Amino acid sequence: MLLEELELMRKLRAQEVLQELVRKGIKKINGVRIADMEKKAEQSEPLDYDTIMNFYQNLLRKEKEHFEIEKKKKLKEVEHWARAMREEEKVAIEKYC
């Protein structure tokens, strides 16, 4: 009873993750088309939960790393801009004095 409920929860979660991947524009997981996986699920064949979740976790990790890289780039741009503004102010003050 408990194992059946767990298996059902895993199947539902795998289907949710597959739908999320489709929304993100991903068509395949490790060479297997997501559409084929969904067809198998409709035919009551078990989904490979571990493969799906590992792929999804790796995707999330890569997205987070990309976000952090972009964040650092923007922070550096702001720092460069602030420094340039200070340099311009310094030059203007020196000309005035």
PDB file of N, CA and C in Angstrom:
ATOM      1  N   MET A   1       0.824  -1.192   0.000  1.00  0.00           N
ATOM      2  CA  MET A   1       0.000   0.000   0.000  1.00  0.00           C
ATOM      3  C   MET A   1       0.871   1.260   0.000  1.00  0.00           C
ATOM      4  N   LEU A   2       1.816   1.310   0.921  1.00  0.00           N
ATOM      5  CA  LEU A   2       2.687   2.469   1.020  1.00  0.00           C
ATOM      6  C   LEU A   2       3.609   2.580  -0.196  1.00  0.00           C
ATOM      7  N   LEU A   3       4.112   1.438  -0.651  1.00  0.00           N
ATOM      8  CA  LEU A   3       4.969   1.442  -1.837  1.00  0.00           C
ATOM      9  C   LEU A   3       4.209   1.869  -3.082  1.00  0.00           C
ATOM     10  N   GLU A   4       2.966   1.461  -3.182  1.00  0.00           N
ATOM     11  CA  GLU A   4       2.147   1.868  -4.333  1.00  0.00           C
ATOM     12  C   GLU A   4       1.922   3.378  -4.314  1.00  0.00           C
ATOM     13  N   GLU A   5       1.671   3.913  -3.132  1.00  0.00           N
ATOM     14  CA  GLU A   5       1.457   5.354  -3.007  1.00  0.00           C
ATOM     15  C   GLU A   5       2.735   6.114  -3.353  1.00  0.00           C
ATOM     16  N   LEU A   6       3.868   5.617  -2.888  1.00  0.00           N
ATOM     17  CA  LEU A   6       5.148   6.239  -3.206  1.00  0.00           C
ATOM     18  C   LEU A   6       5.410   6.194  -4.711  1.00  0.00           C
ATOM     19  N   GLU A   7       5.142   5.053  -5.317  1.00  0.00           N
ATOM     20  CA  GLU A   7       5.352   4.904  -6.757  1.00  0.00           C
ATOM     21  C   GLU A   7       4.450   5.856  -7.544  1.00  0.00           C
ATOM     22  N   LEU A   8       3.233   6.041  -7.085  1.00  0.00           N
ATOM     23  CA  LEU A   8       2.307   6.975  -7.727  1.00  0.00           C
ATOM     24  C   LEU A   8       2.825   8.408  -7.601  1.00  0.00           C
ATOM     25  N   MET A   9       3.324   8.760  -6.422  1.00  0.00           N
ATOM     26  CA  MET A   9       3.859  10.112  -6.210  1.00  0.00           C
ATOM     27  C   MET A   9       5.076  10.353  -7.096  1.00  0.00           C
ATOM     28  N   ARG A  10       5.937   9.340  -7.220  1.00  0.00           N
ATOM     29  CA  ARG A  10       7.110   9.467  -8.081  1.00  0.00           C
ATOM     30  C   ARG A  10       6.697   9.647  -9.538  1.00  0.00           C
ATOM     31  N   LYS A  11       5.697   8.909  -9.971  1.00  0.00           N
ATOM     32  CA  LYS A  11       5.218   9.011 -11.346  1.00  0.00           C
ATOM     33  C   LYS A  11       4.653  10.408 -11.612  1.00  0.00           C
ATOM     34  N   LEU A  12       3.855  10.916 -10.672  1.00  0.00           N
ATOM     35  CA  LEU A  12       3.277  12.252 -10.837  1.00  0.00           C
ATOM     36  C   LEU A  12       4.362  13.324 -10.884  1.00  0.00           C
ATOM     37  N   ARG A  13       5.338  13.200 -10.005  1.00  0.00           N
ATOM     38  CA  ARG A  13       6.426  14.177  -9.977  1.00  0.00           C
ATOM     39  C   ARG A  13       7.243  14.114 -11.276  1.00  0.00           C
ATOM     40  N   ALA A  14       7.489  12.914 -11.762  1.00  0.00           N
ATOM     41  CA  ALA A  14       8.230  12.761 -13.020  1.00  0.00           C
ATOM     42  C   ALA A  14       7.463  13.408 -14.173  1.00  0.00           C
ATOM     43  N   GLN A  15       6.139  13.235 -14.193  1.00  0.00           N
ATOM     44  CA  GLN A  15       5.331  13.854 -15.247  1.00  0.00           C
ATOM     45  C   GLN A  15       5.367  15.377 -15.140  1.00  0.00           C
ATOM     46  N   GLU A  16       5.330  15.908 -13.913  1.00  0.00           N
ATOM     47  CA  GLU A  16       5.411  17.359 -13.724  1.00  0.00           C
ATOM     48  C   GLU A  16       6.748  17.894 -14.237  1.00  0.00           C
ATOM     49  N   VAL A  17       7.817  17.175 -13.915  1.00  0.00           N
ATOM     50  CA  VAL A  17       9.148  17.605 -14.351  1.00  0.00           C
ATOM     51  C   VAL A  17       9.240  17.550 -15.871  1.00  0.00           C
ATOM     52  N   LEU A  18       8.698  16.509 -16.479  1.00  0.00           N
ATOM     53  CA  LEU A  18       8.715  16.417 -17.943  1.00  0.00           C
ATOM     54  C   LEU A  18       7.977  17.599 -18.567  1.00  0.00           C
ATOM     55  N   GLN A  19       6.842  17.968 -18.003  1.00  0.00           N
ATOM     56  CA  GLN A  19       6.088  19.108 -18.534  1.00  0.00           C
ATOM     57  C   GLN A  19       6.884  20.404 -18.371  1.00  0.00           C
ATOM     58  N   GLU A  20       7.573  20.545 -17.250  1.00  0.00           N
ATOM     59  CA  GLU A  20       8.402  21.729 -17.025  1.00  0.00           C
ATOM     60  C   GLU A  20       9.542  21.786 -18.040  1.00  0.00           C
ATOM     61  N   LEU A  21      10.147  20.646 -18.326  1.00  0.00           N
ATOM     62  CA  LEU A  21      11.222  20.605 -19.310  1.00  0.00           C
ATOM     63  C   LEU A  21      10.714  20.964 -20.701  1.00  0.00           C
ATOM     64  N   VAL A  22       9.526  20.499 -21.052  1.00  0.00           N
ATOM     65  CA  VAL A  22       8.930  20.842 -22.344  1.00  0.00           C
ATOM     66  C   VAL A  22       8.699  22.350 -22.420  1.00  0.00           C
ATOM     67  N   ARG A  23       8.220  22.948 -21.329  1.00  0.00           N
ATOM     68  CA  ARG A  23       8.008  24.402 -21.305  1.00  0.00           C
ATOM     69  C   ARG A  23       9.307  25.158 -21.499  1.00  0.00           C
ATOM     70  N   LYS A  24      10.407  24.587 -21.015  1.00  0.00           N
ATOM     71  CA  LYS A  24      11.709  25.232 -21.173  1.00  0.00           C
ATOM     72  C   LYS A  24      12.305  24.990 -22.548  1.00  0.00           C
ATOM     73  N   GLY A  25      11.643  24.182 -23.364  1.00  0.00           N
ATOM     74  CA  GLY A  25      12.092  23.956 -24.732  1.00  0.00           C
ATOM     75  C   GLY A  25      13.015  22.757 -24.901  1.00  0.00           C
ATOM     76  N   ILE A  26      13.098  21.919 -23.903  1.00  0.00           N
ATOM     77  CA  ILE A  26      13.960  20.744 -23.982  1.00  0.00           C
ATOM     78  C   ILE A  26      13.154  19.608 -24.596  1.00  0.00           C
ATOM     79  N   LYS A  27      13.753  18.944 -25.569  1.00  0.00           N
ATOM     80  CA  LYS A  27      13.039  17.897 -26.297  1.00  0.00           C
ATOM     81  C   LYS A  27      13.477  16.488 -25.910  1.00  0.00           C
ATOM     82  N   LYS A  28      14.736  16.353 -25.431  1.00  0.00           N
ATOM     83  CA  LYS A  28      15.266  15.020 -25.148  1.00  0.00           C
ATOM     84  C   LYS A  28      15.952  14.980 -23.784  1.00  0.00           C
ATOM     85  N   ILE A  29      15.914  13.806 -23.182  1.00  0.00           N
ATOM     86  CA  ILE A  29      16.665  13.533 -21.961  1.00  0.00           C
ATOM     87  C   ILE A  29      17.550  12.329 -22.255  1.00  0.00           C
ATOM     88  N   ASN A  30      18.848  12.567 -22.252  1.00  0.00           N
ATOM     89  CA  ASN A  30      19.820  11.502 -22.531  1.00  0.00           C
ATOM     90  C   ASN A  30      19.501  10.752 -23.825  1.00  0.00           C
ATOM     91  N   GLY A  31      19.098  11.471 -24.851  1.00  0.00           N
ATOM     92  CA  GLY A  31      18.836  10.872 -26.157  1.00  0.00           C
ATOM     93  C   GLY A  31      17.444  10.309 -26.341  1.00  0.00           C
ATOM     94  N   VAL A  32      16.613  10.332 -25.310  1.00  0.00           N
ATOM     95  CA  VAL A  32      15.247   9.804 -25.402  1.00  0.00           C
ATOM     96  C   VAL A  32      14.288  10.989 -25.467  1.00  0.00           C
ATOM     97  N   ARG A  33      13.429  10.981 -26.461  1.00  0.00           N
ATOM     98  CA  ARG A  33      12.482  12.087 -26.622  1.00  0.00           C
ATOM     99  C   ARG A  33      11.482  12.116 -25.460  1.00  0.00           C
ATOM    100  N   ILE A  34      11.195  13.301 -24.984  1.00  0.00           N
ATOM    101  CA  ILE A  34      10.252  13.470 -23.880  1.00  0.00           C
ATOM    102  C   ILE A  34       8.860  13.035 -24.309  1.00  0.00           C
ATOM    103  N   ALA A  35       8.507  13.297 -25.557  1.00  0.00           N
ATOM    104  CA  ALA A  35       7.191  12.891 -26.056  1.00  0.00           C
ATOM    105  C   ALA A  35       7.026  11.376 -25.962  1.00  0.00           C
ATOM    106  N   ASP A  36       8.103  10.636 -26.265  1.00  0.00           N
ATOM    107  CA  ASP A  36       8.046   9.175 -26.157  1.00  0.00           C
ATOM    108  C   ASP A  36       7.872   8.739 -24.707  1.00  0.00           C
ATOM    109  N   MET A  37       8.548   9.440 -23.804  1.00  0.00           N
ATOM    110  CA  MET A  37       8.408   9.114 -22.379  1.00  0.00           C
ATOM    111  C   MET A  37       6.974   9.322 -21.909  1.00  0.00           C
ATOM    112  N   GLU A  38       6.376  10.424 -22.356  1.00  0.00           N
ATOM    113  CA  GLU A  38       4.999  10.716 -21.962  1.00  0.00           C
ATOM    114  C   GLU A  38       4.028   9.684 -22.522  1.00  0.00           C
ATOM    115  N   LYS A  39       4.286   9.231 -23.748  1.00  0.00           N
ATOM    116  CA  LYS A  39       3.421   8.191 -24.339  1.00  0.00           C
ATOM    117  C   LYS A  39       3.505   6.902 -23.529  1.00  0.00           C
ATOM    118  N   LYS A  40       4.719   6.561 -23.103  1.00  0.00           N
ATOM    119  CA  LYS A  40       4.884   5.364 -22.278  1.00  0.00           C
ATOM    120  C   LYS A  40       4.137   5.502 -20.959  1.00  0.00           C
ATOM    121  N   ALA A  41       4.167   6.688 -20.392  1.00  0.00           N
ATOM    122  CA  ALA A  41       3.477   6.917 -19.119  1.00  0.00           C
ATOM    123  C   ALA A  41       1.972   6.765 -19.290  1.00  0.00           C
ATOM    124  N   GLU A  42       1.452   7.205 -20.435  1.00  0.00           N
ATOM    125  CA  GLU A  42       0.018   7.051 -20.696  1.00  0.00           C
ATOM    126  C   GLU A  42      -0.369   5.587 -20.842  1.00  0.00           C
ATOM    127  N   GLN A  43       0.566   4.774 -21.287  1.00  0.00           N
ATOM    128  CA  GLN A  43       0.311   3.343 -21.467  1.00  0.00           C
ATOM    129  C   GLN A  43       0.618   2.557 -20.190  1.00  0.00           C
ATOM    130  N   SER A  44       0.731   3.260 -19.077  1.00  0.00           N
ATOM    131  CA  SER A  44       0.982   2.686 -17.750  1.00  0.00           C
ATOM    132  C   SER A  44       2.343   2.016 -17.617  1.00  0.00           C
ATOM    133  N   GLU A  45       3.287   2.373 -18.476  1.00  0.00           N
ATOM    134  CA  GLU A  45       4.651   1.889 -18.303  1.00  0.00           C
ATOM    135  C   GLU A  45       5.359   2.836 -17.339  1.00  0.00           C
ATOM    136  N   PRO A  46       6.224   2.320 -16.497  1.00  0.00           N
ATOM    137  CA  PRO A  46       6.895   3.190 -15.513  1.00  0.00           C
ATOM    138  C   PRO A  46       7.890   4.142 -16.177  1.00  0.00           C
ATOM    139  N   LEU A  47       7.936   5.346 -15.651  1.00  0.00           N
ATOM    140  CA  LEU A  47       8.917   6.319 -16.103  1.00  0.00           C
ATOM    141  C   LEU A  47      10.217   6.094 -15.348  1.00  0.00           C
ATOM    142  N   ASP A  48      11.330   6.425 -15.963  1.00  0.00           N
ATOM    143  CA  ASP A  48      12.618   6.304 -15.291  1.00  0.00           C
ATOM    144  C   ASP A  48      12.811   7.546 -14.428  1.00  0.00           C
ATOM    145  N   TYR A  49      12.267   7.498 -13.237  1.00  0.00           N
ATOM    146  CA  TYR A  49      12.241   8.636 -12.316  1.00  0.00           C
ATOM    147  C   TYR A  49      13.651   9.153 -12.038  1.00  0.00           C
ATOM    148  N   ASP A  50      14.575   8.263 -11.734  1.00  0.00           N
ATOM    149  CA  ASP A  50      15.928   8.689 -11.363  1.00  0.00           C
ATOM    150  C   ASP A  50      16.622   9.434 -12.491  1.00  0.00           C
ATOM    151  N   THR A  51      16.494   8.948 -13.713  1.00  0.00           N
ATOM    152  CA  THR A  51      17.119   9.613 -14.859  1.00  0.00           C
ATOM    153  C   THR A  51      16.514  10.991 -15.078  1.00  0.00           C
ATOM    154  N   ILE A  52      15.206  11.064 -14.999  1.00  0.00           N
ATOM    155  CA  ILE A  52      14.510  12.348 -15.200  1.00  0.00           C
ATOM    156  C   ILE A  52      14.935  13.353 -14.142  1.00  0.00           C
ATOM    157  N   MET A  53      14.944  12.929 -12.891  1.00  0.00           N
ATOM    158  CA  MET A  53      15.271  13.852 -11.804  1.00  0.00           C
ATOM    159  C   MET A  53      16.747  14.261 -11.842  1.00  0.00           C
ATOM    160  N   ASN A  54      17.646  13.336 -12.183  1.00  0.00           N
ATOM    161  CA  ASN A  54      19.068  13.696 -12.298  1.00  0.00           C
ATOM    162  C   ASN A  54      19.268  14.732 -13.392  1.00  0.00           C
ATOM    163  N   PHE A  55      18.615  14.537 -14.529  1.00  0.00           N
ATOM    164  CA  PHE A  55      18.710  15.486 -15.631  1.00  0.00           C
ATOM    165  C   PHE A  55      18.187  16.855 -15.190  1.00  0.00           C
ATOM    166  N   TYR A  56      17.044  16.858 -14.507  1.00  0.00           N
ATOM    167  CA  TYR A  56      16.417  18.108 -14.061  1.00  0.00           C
ATOM    168  C   TYR A  56      17.300  18.826 -13.031  1.00  0.00           C
ATOM    169  N   GLN A  57      17.860  18.078 -12.089  1.00  0.00           N
ATOM    170  CA  GLN A  57      18.733  18.685 -11.087  1.00  0.00           C
ATOM    171  C   GLN A  57      19.974  19.292 -11.732  1.00  0.00           C
ATOM    172  N   ASN A  58      20.546  18.593 -12.709  1.00  0.00           N
ATOM    173  CA  ASN A  58      21.713  19.137 -13.424  1.00  0.00           C
ATOM    174  C   ASN A  58      21.343  20.406 -14.178  1.00  0.00           C
ATOM    175  N   LEU A  59      20.170  20.413 -14.785  1.00  0.00           N
ATOM    176  CA  LEU A  59      19.703  21.597 -15.503  1.00  0.00           C
ATOM    177  C   LEU A  59      19.537  22.774 -14.542  1.00  0.00           C
ATOM    178  N   LEU A  60      18.931  22.528 -13.392  1.00  0.00           N
ATOM    179  CA  LEU A  60      18.754  23.592 -12.402  1.00  0.00           C
ATOM    180  C   LEU A  60      20.098  24.121 -11.909  1.00  0.00           C
ATOM    181  N   ARG A  61      21.051  23.216 -11.701  1.00  0.00           N
ATOM    182  CA  ARG A  61      22.379  23.613 -11.249  1.00  0.00           C
ATOM    183  C   ARG A  61      23.057  24.501 -12.294  1.00  0.00           C
ATOM    184  N   LYS A  62      22.947  24.117 -13.575  1.00  0.00           N
ATOM    185  CA  LYS A  62      23.551  24.906 -14.652  1.00  0.00           C
ATOM    186  C   LYS A  62      22.890  26.278 -14.755  1.00  0.00           C
ATOM    187  N   GLU A  63      21.569  26.322 -14.604  1.00  0.00           N
ATOM    188  CA  GLU A  63      20.865  27.604 -14.656  1.00  0.00           C
ATOM    189  C   GLU A  63      21.300  28.505 -13.506  1.00  0.00           C
ATOM    190  N   LYS A  64      21.474  27.921 -12.333  1.00  0.00           N
ATOM    191  CA  LYS A  64      21.909  28.711 -11.169  1.00  0.00           C
ATOM    192  C   LYS A  64      23.316  29.241 -11.380  1.00  0.00           C
ATOM    193  N   GLU A  65      24.214  28.396 -11.906  1.00  0.00           N
ATOM    194  CA  GLU A  65      25.579  28.836 -12.184  1.00  0.00           C
ATOM    195  C   GLU A  65      25.582  29.967 -13.213  1.00  0.00           C
ATOM    196  N   HIS A  66      24.773  29.826 -14.250  1.00  0.00           N
ATOM    197  CA  HIS A  66      24.684  30.870 -15.275  1.00  0.00           C
ATOM    198  C   HIS A  66      24.173  32.177 -14.670  1.00  0.00           C
ATOM    199  N   PHE A  67      23.185  32.070 -13.796  1.00  0.00           N
ATOM    200  CA  PHE A  67      22.638  33.257 -13.128  1.00  0.00           C
ATOM    201  C   PHE A  67      23.720  33.937 -12.292  1.00  0.00           C
ATOM    202  N   GLU A  68      24.499  33.158 -11.557  1.00  0.00           N
ATOM    203  CA  GLU A  68      25.560  33.718 -10.722  1.00  0.00           C
ATOM    204  C   GLU A  68      26.625  34.403 -11.573  1.00  0.00           C
ATOM    205  N   ILE A  69      26.969  33.812 -12.712  1.00  0.00           N
ATOM    206  CA  ILE A  69      27.958  34.412 -13.607  1.00  0.00           C
ATOM    207  C   ILE A  69      27.446  35.755 -14.128  1.00  0.00           C
ATOM    208  N   GLU A  70      26.179  35.779 -14.558  1.00  0.00           N
ATOM    209  CA  GLU A  70      25.590  37.033 -15.059  1.00  0.00           C
ATOM    210  C   GLU A  70      25.532  38.080 -13.950  1.00  0.00           C
ATOM    211  N   LYS A  71      25.222  37.645 -12.754  1.00  0.00           N
ATOM    212  CA  LYS A  71      25.160  38.566 -11.611  1.00  0.00           C
ATOM    213  C   LYS A  71      26.536  39.188 -11.356  1.00  0.00           C
ATOM    214  N   LYS A  72      27.600  38.375 -11.410  1.00  0.00           N
ATOM    215  CA  LYS A  72      28.953  38.883 -11.205  1.00  0.00           C
ATOM    216  C   LYS A  72      29.343  39.854 -12.312  1.00  0.00           C
ATOM    217  N   LYS A  73      28.943  39.542 -13.557  1.00  0.00           N
ATOM    218  CA  LYS A  73      29.251  40.441 -14.676  1.00  0.00           C
ATOM    219  C   LYS A  73      28.596  41.795 -14.460  1.00  0.00           C
ATOM    220  N   LYS A  74      27.341  41.785 -14.065  1.00  0.00           N
ATOM    221  CA  LYS A  74      26.624  43.046 -13.847  1.00  0.00           C
ATOM    222  C   LYS A  74      27.237  43.828 -12.696  1.00  0.00           C
ATOM    223  N   LEU A  75      27.641  43.119 -11.639  1.00  0.00           N
ATOM    224  CA  LEU A  75      28.269  43.782 -10.505  1.00  0.00           C
ATOM    225  C   LEU A  75      29.581  44.439 -10.921  1.00  0.00           C
ATOM    226  N   LYS A  76      30.373  43.760 -11.758  1.00  0.00           N
ATOM    227  CA  LYS A  76      31.622  44.338 -12.242  1.00  0.00           C
ATOM    228  C   LYS A  76      31.350  45.563 -13.105  1.00  0.00           C
ATOM    229  N   GLU A  77      30.298  45.485 -13.939  1.00  0.00           N
ATOM    230  CA  GLU A  77      29.952  46.634 -14.775  1.00  0.00           C
ATOM    231  C   GLU A  77      29.586  47.837 -13.914  1.00  0.00           C
ATOM    232  N   VAL A  78      28.844  47.602 -12.857  1.00  0.00           N
ATOM    233  CA  VAL A  78      28.452  48.690 -11.960  1.00  0.00           C
ATOM    234  C   VAL A  78      29.675  49.265 -11.264  1.00  0.00           C
ATOM    235  N   GLU A  79      30.578  48.389 -10.841  1.00  0.00           N
ATOM    236  CA  GLU A  79      31.801  48.863 -10.199  1.00  0.00           C
ATOM    237  C   GLU A  79      32.640  49.701 -11.156  1.00  0.00           C
ATOM    238  N   HIS A  80      32.766  49.260 -12.413  1.00  0.00           N
ATOM    239  CA  HIS A  80      33.519  50.023 -13.412  1.00  0.00           C
ATOM    240  C   HIS A  80      32.853  51.367 -13.675  1.00  0.00           C
ATOM    241  N   TRP A  81      31.542  51.364 -13.763  1.00  0.00           N
ATOM    242  CA  TRP A  81      30.815  52.608 -14.010  1.00  0.00           C
ATOM    243  C   TRP A  81      31.014  53.576 -12.848  1.00  0.00           C
ATOM    244  N   ALA A  82      30.927  53.066 -11.620  1.00  0.00           N
ATOM    245  CA  ALA A  82      31.098  53.919 -10.446  1.00  0.00           C
ATOM    246  C   ALA A  82      32.521  54.489 -10.404  1.00  0.00           C
ATOM    247  N   ARG A  83      33.487  53.670 -10.734  1.00  0.00           N
ATOM    248  CA  ARG A  83      34.871  54.149 -10.742  1.00  0.00           C
ATOM    249  C   ARG A  83      35.067  55.216 -11.816  1.00  0.00           C
ATOM    250  N   ALA A  84      34.497  55.001 -12.979  1.00  0.00           N
ATOM    251  CA  ALA A  84      34.603  55.983 -14.057  1.00  0.00           C
ATOM    252  C   ALA A  84      33.977  57.311 -13.636  1.00  0.00           C
ATOM    253  N   MET A  85      32.845  57.223 -12.948  1.00  0.00           N
ATOM    254  CA  MET A  85      32.191  58.457 -12.480  1.00  0.00           C
ATOM    255  C   MET A  85      33.089  59.187 -11.476  1.00  0.00           C
ATOM    256  N   ARG A  86      33.713  58.446 -10.564  1.00  0.00           N
ATOM    257  CA  ARG A  86      34.613  59.078  -9.585  1.00  0.00           C
ATOM    258  C   ARG A  86      35.800  59.729 -10.283  1.00  0.00           C
ATOM    259  N   GLU A  87      36.348  59.046 -11.299  1.00  0.00           N
ATOM    260  CA  GLU A  87      37.484  59.594 -12.038  1.00  0.00           C
ATOM    261  C   GLU A  87      37.081  60.881 -12.761  1.00  0.00           C
ATOM    262  N   GLU A  88      35.882  60.877 -13.360  1.00  0.00           N
ATOM    263  CA  GLU A  88      35.408  62.076 -14.048  1.00  0.00           C
ATOM    264  C   GLU A  88      35.202  63.214 -13.064  1.00  0.00           C
ATOM    265  N   GLU A  89      34.645  62.898 -11.900  1.00  0.00           N
ATOM    266  CA  GLU A  89      34.445  63.928 -10.881  1.00  0.00           C
ATOM    267  C   GLU A  89      35.789  64.481 -10.411  1.00  0.00           C
ATOM    268  N   LYS A  90      36.769  63.617 -10.251  1.00  0.00           N
ATOM    269  CA  LYS A  90      38.098  64.031  -9.811  1.00  0.00           C
ATOM    270  C   LYS A  90      38.710  64.986 -10.818  1.00  0.00           C
ATOM    271  N   VAL A  91      38.610  64.637 -12.107  1.00  0.00           N
ATOM    272  CA  VAL A  91      39.159  65.486 -13.172  1.00  0.00           C
ATOM    273  C   VAL A  91      38.439  66.837 -13.187  1.00  0.00           C
ATOM    274  N   ALA A  92      37.123  66.815 -13.034  1.00  0.00           N
ATOM    275  CA  ALA A  92      36.359  68.071 -13.033  1.00  0.00           C
ATOM    276  C   ALA A  92      36.739  68.934 -11.838  1.00  0.00           C
ATOM    277  N   ILE A  93      36.923  68.355 -10.693  1.00  0.00           N
ATOM    278  CA  ILE A  93      37.302  69.124  -9.478  1.00  0.00           C
ATOM    279  C   ILE A  93      38.691  69.692  -9.646  1.00  0.00           C
ATOM    280  N   GLU A  94      39.608  68.892 -10.217  1.00  0.00           N
ATOM    281  CA  GLU A  94      40.976  69.393 -10.414  1.00  0.00           C
ATOM    282  C   GLU A  94      40.998  70.560 -11.404  1.00  0.00           C
ATOM    283  N   LYS A  95      40.154  70.502 -12.440  1.00  0.00           N
ATOM    284  CA  LYS A  95      40.091  71.616 -13.397  1.00  0.00           C
ATOM    285  C   LYS A  95      39.516  72.843 -12.718  1.00  0.00           C
ATOM    286  N   TYR A  96      38.553  72.658 -11.860  1.00  0.00           N
ATOM    287  CA  TYR A  96      37.897  73.793 -11.197  1.00  0.00           C
ATOM    288  C   TYR A  96      38.836  74.465 -10.204  1.00  0.00           C
ATOM    289  N   CYS A  97      39.609  73.638  -9.511  1.00  0.00           N
ATOM    290  CA  CYS A  97      40.499  74.187  -8.470  1.00  0.00           C
ATOM    291  C   CYS A  97      41.725  74.765  -9.049  1.00  0.00           C
TER     292      CYS A  97
END
